[in-house]
Each structure stands twice: as structure tokens, then as C-alpha cells.
Amino acid sequence: MHHQLQRIRAHAHPPALGVDALDPQLKTLNYLNQILATIEAERSGFEEALMLNSDGYVAEASADNLFIVRGNRLLTPATHVGALP
């Protein structure tokens, strides 16, 4: 099976509520940060928002799965940087 990688234009977005406001390890169904980031990205002409943690590292995307291709390796942000498990 062959999968095609797709590139999109994304906007880096710091968390509206603060990273420490919501524990990313808890599945609470609270997506307010993602919704606010998506609205801001779309208003700015972007297709997606990259969610940053308090240290400025990319933690996740607002609505899509986030992967980085480096050589022959497929990378994704670790859960300790704030991504949902």
C-alpha cells in the first residue's frame, strides 16, 4: 500500500488557554484551544494551526495528525510536549 504525503499551509498558534490550564493526558473532550486556533488560522488564510506548547515546541495540529518526514523516518511530537495521547 502506498500513501501519498500532503503538504498544507499551517499557522503556528500558542495555546489560548495556556498549556497548564488543561492536562493533555486527560481525554476531556474539551477542544476550545483547537477551535480557537482553527478560527484564527482560517481567518489568516491558513489550512491548519500548529499548536505550540509553553516552550514554543510544536505539540500537535488543531484538527489533523502531524507527521514529519526526515530521511526514511516518520516522526511525530511526543506526548510529553503536550499532544493528546
Protein backbone atom coordinates (compact mmCIF):
# COMPACT_ATOMS: atom_id res chain seq x y z
CA MET A 1 0.00 0.00 0.00
CA HIS A 2 1.35 3.43 -0.94
CA HIS A 3 0.35 6.57 0.93
CA GLN A 4 0.81 9.99 -0.54
CA LEU A 5 2.08 12.73 1.72
CA GLN A 6 0.22 16.01 1.56
CA ARG A 7 1.67 19.40 2.39
CA ILE A 8 -0.56 22.12 3.75
CA ARG A 9 -0.07 25.73 4.81
CA ALA A 10 -0.14 25.96 8.60
CA HIS A 11 -0.15 28.75 11.17
CA ALA A 12 1.80 28.39 14.45
CA HIS A 13 -0.57 29.12 17.32
CA PRO A 14 0.24 29.43 21.03
CA PRO A 15 -2.45 27.94 23.28
CA ALA A 16 -5.26 30.40 24.01
CA LEU A 17 -5.93 28.96 27.46
CA GLY A 18 -2.33 28.20 28.37
CA VAL A 19 -0.75 24.78 28.29
CA ASP A 20 -1.05 24.28 32.02
CA ALA A 21 -4.80 25.03 32.01
CA LEU A 22 -5.69 21.62 30.55
CA ASP A 23 -3.76 18.40 31.14
CA PRO A 24 -3.16 16.90 27.66
CA GLN A 25 -3.07 13.41 29.17
CA LEU A 26 -6.76 13.68 30.11
CA LYS A 27 -9.31 12.96 27.38
CA THR A 28 -11.88 15.58 28.41
CA LEU A 29 -13.44 16.34 25.00
CA ASN A 30 -12.57 19.99 25.62
CA TYR A 31 -11.36 21.27 22.26
CA LEU A 32 -11.63 25.01 22.91
CA ASN A 33 -7.92 25.64 22.19
CA GLN A 34 -8.17 23.71 18.91
CA ILE A 35 -11.35 25.52 17.87
CA LEU A 36 -9.88 28.96 18.61
CA ALA A 37 -6.67 28.07 16.76
CA THR A 38 -8.62 26.81 13.74
CA ILE A 39 -10.68 30.01 13.58
CA GLU A 40 -7.54 32.18 13.75
CA ALA A 41 -5.73 30.09 11.13
CA GLU A 42 -8.66 30.23 8.69
CA ARG A 43 -9.05 33.99 9.18
CA SER A 44 -5.34 34.34 8.37
CA GLY A 45 -5.64 32.25 5.19
CA PHE A 46 -4.11 29.03 6.51
CA GLU A 47 -5.47 25.50 6.26
CA GLU A 48 -4.36 24.32 9.71
CA ALA A 49 -2.96 25.57 13.00
CA LEU A 50 0.10 24.04 14.64
CA MET A 51 -0.42 24.06 18.39
CA LEU A 52 2.64 25.17 20.37
CA ASN A 53 3.39 24.32 23.99
CA SER A 54 4.58 26.89 26.54
CA ASP A 55 8.21 26.30 25.45
CA GLY A 56 7.34 27.08 21.81
CA TYR A 57 7.64 23.50 20.56
CA VAL A 58 5.05 22.07 18.17
CA ALA A 59 2.82 19.78 20.21
CA GLU A 60 0.01 18.92 17.77
CA ALA A 61 -2.16 20.26 14.97
CA SER A 62 -5.62 21.68 15.65
CA ALA A 63 -7.53 19.17 13.52
CA ASP A 64 -5.08 16.93 11.65
CA ASN A 65 -2.47 14.37 12.51
CA LEU A 66 1.02 15.82 12.41
CA PHE A 67 3.97 13.91 10.99
CA ILE A 68 7.44 14.99 9.89
CA VAL A 69 9.36 13.02 7.29
CA ARG A 70 13.11 13.14 7.87
CA GLY A 71 15.04 10.90 5.50
CA ASN A 72 13.49 7.45 5.85
CA ARG A 73 11.99 8.20 9.27
CA LEU A 74 8.46 9.27 10.15
CA LEU A 75 8.33 11.48 13.27
CA THR A 76 5.50 12.86 15.37
CA PRO A 77 5.58 15.04 18.52
CA ALA A 78 5.97 13.10 21.77
CA THR A 79 3.14 13.17 24.28
CA HIS A 80 5.35 14.89 26.90
CA VAL A 81 5.37 18.08 24.77
CA GLY A 82 1.61 18.42 25.18
CA ALA A 83 -0.04 16.38 22.43
CA LEU A 84 -3.16 14.39 23.15
CA PRO A 85 -2.30 10.70 23.70
